[in-house]
């Protein structure tokens, strides 16, 4: 009888942990404006399309990246900044991880939302190539119905 209680307790705790993780993942959905001063003023748009996520990154009026991938790590072919690239997406806990391969350059991005839900950090982690590691700050943008059309 005690074995059943332990098993049931573990099942309930696991379900609660999954629910918390799912709630953290849902916080990523939205439009995020760069908080950088000077330099690039980028915007990430992340939309949930069922089994896939659709990500768009723009700088000013230029669309740098626009792709849709599943979140189980399967490669998606796309163009980033006009160059052929391969993207894969997966979740590591509450963080969305994007792996971008462009030629011999590999860049890892980790998207994570703060507890209050209006701040996002994107960690840039170069695996190979000349890029430098950095962390970018973004703030959630409220999109009105008129803007979304």
Protein backbone atom coordinates (compact mmCIF):
# COMPACT_ATOMS: atom_id res chain seq x y z
CA UNK A 1 0.00 0.00 0.00
CA UNK A 2 2.83 2.43 0.86
CA UNK A 3 4.42 1.80 -2.56
CA UNK A 4 1.22 3.00 -4.22
CA UNK A 5 1.21 6.18 -2.10
CA UNK A 6 4.83 6.90 -3.03
CA UNK A 7 4.11 6.27 -6.72
CA UNK A 8 0.99 8.45 -6.65
CA UNK A 9 2.87 11.26 -4.87
CA UNK A 10 5.68 11.15 -7.45
CA UNK A 11 3.13 11.23 -10.26
CA UNK A 12 1.41 14.29 -8.78
CA UNK A 13 4.72 16.09 -8.20
CA UNK A 14 5.84 15.32 -11.75
CA UNK A 15 2.59 16.67 -13.18
CA UNK A 16 2.96 19.86 -11.15
CA UNK A 17 6.54 20.35 -12.35
CA UNK A 18 5.44 19.82 -15.97
CA UNK A 19 2.58 22.31 -15.55
CA UNK A 20 4.98 24.94 -14.16
CA UNK A 21 7.43 24.30 -17.00
CA UNK A 22 4.64 24.57 -19.60
CA UNK A 23 3.45 27.86 -18.07
CA UNK A 24 7.02 29.21 -18.32
CA UNK A 25 7.21 28.16 -21.98
CA UNK A 26 3.92 29.91 -22.82
CA UNK A 27 5.41 33.15 -21.47
CA UNK A 28 7.76 33.22 -24.49
CA UNK A 29 4.87 33.70 -26.91
CA UNK A 30 4.62 37.35 -27.94
CA UNK A 31 6.54 40.28 -29.38
CA UNK A 32 9.79 41.37 -27.72
CA UNK A 33 11.60 44.70 -28.27
CA UNK A 34 15.35 45.02 -27.69
CA UNK A 35 16.38 47.11 -24.68
CA UNK A 36 19.84 47.84 -26.11
CA UNK A 37 20.92 51.46 -26.18
CA UNK A 38 22.46 52.41 -29.49
CA UNK A 39 23.38 49.82 -32.08
CA UNK A 40 20.84 47.25 -33.21
CA UNK A 41 17.20 47.68 -32.23
CA UNK A 42 15.86 44.19 -32.81
CA UNK A 43 12.42 42.71 -32.34
CA UNK A 44 11.63 39.01 -31.82
CA UNK A 45 8.12 37.75 -32.55
CA UNK A 46 7.37 34.25 -31.24
CA UNK A 47 4.07 32.58 -32.16
CA UNK A 48 2.74 29.16 -31.22
CA UNK A 49 1.47 27.23 -34.25
CA UNK A 50 0.44 23.98 -32.61
CA UNK A 51 3.43 21.64 -32.73
CA UNK A 52 5.67 24.37 -34.17
CA UNK A 53 6.94 27.78 -33.17
CA UNK A 54 7.10 30.60 -35.71
CA UNK A 55 9.93 33.05 -35.01
CA UNK A 56 10.53 36.33 -36.80
CA UNK A 57 13.47 38.63 -36.05
CA UNK A 58 13.58 42.15 -37.48
CA UNK A 59 16.02 45.02 -37.17
CA UNK A 60 14.39 48.31 -38.11
CA UNK A 61 12.42 47.61 -41.30
CA UNK A 62 14.61 44.63 -42.29
CA UNK A 63 13.36 41.09 -41.68
CA UNK A 64 16.52 39.20 -40.74
CA UNK A 65 14.96 35.81 -39.99
CA UNK A 66 11.52 34.24 -40.49
CA UNK A 67 11.15 30.52 -39.83
CA UNK A 68 8.86 27.90 -38.35
CA UNK A 69 10.21 24.78 -36.64
CA UNK A 70 9.05 22.10 -34.25
CA UNK A 71 10.50 22.07 -30.74
CA UNK A 72 11.95 18.56 -30.73
CA UNK A 73 15.29 19.51 -32.30
CA UNK A 74 14.54 18.54 -35.91
CA UNK A 75 16.47 20.63 -38.46
CA UNK A 76 14.62 23.32 -40.44
CA UNK A 77 16.17 24.83 -43.57
CA UNK A 78 15.75 28.60 -43.90
CA UNK A 79 17.55 31.83 -44.71
CA UNK A 80 18.94 34.12 -42.02
CA UNK A 81 20.19 37.53 -43.13
CA UNK A 82 20.03 36.26 -46.73
CA UNK A 83 22.25 33.22 -46.05
CA UNK A 84 21.23 29.55 -46.16
CA UNK A 85 20.92 28.32 -42.58
CA UNK A 86 19.75 25.33 -40.62
CA UNK A 87 17.78 25.96 -37.43
CA UNK A 88 16.68 23.57 -34.71
CA UNK A 89 14.57 24.40 -31.66
CA UNK A 90 14.07 22.54 -28.39
CA UNK A 91 13.24 23.31 -24.79
CA UNK A 92 15.71 22.86 -21.96
CA UNK A 93 13.47 23.32 -18.93
CA UNK A 94 11.68 26.64 -19.37
CA UNK A 95 14.25 27.99 -21.87
CA UNK A 96 13.83 27.76 -25.63
CA UNK A 97 17.12 26.80 -27.27
CA UNK A 98 17.80 27.66 -30.91
CA UNK A 99 20.78 26.20 -32.74
CA UNK A 100 21.65 28.07 -35.93
CA UNK A 101 24.17 26.64 -38.39
CA UNK A 102 25.35 28.89 -41.22
CA UNK A 103 28.24 27.35 -43.13
CA UNK A 104 30.85 26.44 -40.50
CA UNK A 105 29.45 28.95 -37.96
CA UNK A 106 27.23 27.56 -35.22
CA UNK A 107 25.38 29.87 -32.82
CA UNK A 108 23.28 28.80 -29.86
CA UNK A 109 20.57 31.12 -28.51
CA UNK A 110 18.74 30.55 -25.23
CA UNK A 111 15.47 32.45 -24.79
CA UNK A 112 14.22 32.79 -21.21
CA UNK A 113 11.50 34.90 -19.62
CA UNK A 114 11.75 36.42 -16.14
CA UNK A 115 9.18 35.41 -13.51
CA UNK A 116 7.02 38.53 -13.99
CA UNK A 117 6.72 37.72 -17.71
CA UNK A 118 7.57 41.09 -19.27
CA UNK A 119 11.37 40.69 -19.61
CA UNK A 120 13.19 38.21 -21.84
CA UNK A 121 16.88 37.43 -21.96
CA UNK A 122 18.52 35.92 -25.01
CA UNK A 123 21.93 34.36 -24.37
CA UNK A 124 24.10 34.21 -27.50
CA UNK A 125 26.61 31.38 -27.22
CA UNK A 126 28.95 30.87 -30.20
CA UNK A 127 29.82 27.21 -30.68
CA UNK A 128 32.10 27.94 -33.65
CA UNK A 129 32.90 31.08 -35.62
CA UNK A 130 33.93 34.63 -34.74
CA UNK A 131 30.85 35.73 -32.75
CA UNK A 132 31.30 36.82 -29.14
CA UNK A 133 29.12 35.55 -26.26
CA UNK A 134 26.58 38.09 -25.01
CA UNK A 135 23.23 38.41 -23.30
CA UNK A 136 20.55 40.61 -24.85
CA UNK A 137 17.61 42.10 -22.95
CA UNK A 138 14.09 42.39 -24.42
CA UNK A 139 10.83 43.80 -23.12
CA UNK A 140 7.39 42.50 -24.05
CA UNK A 141 5.51 44.74 -26.48
CA UNK A 142 1.74 44.95 -26.17
CA UNK A 143 0.31 44.46 -29.65
CA UNK A 144 -3.10 45.96 -30.30
CA UNK A 145 -5.64 44.36 -32.65
CA UNK A 146 -5.05 47.14 -35.19
CA UNK A 147 -1.28 46.43 -35.27
CA UNK A 148 -1.70 42.68 -35.73
CA UNK A 149 -3.45 43.00 -39.11
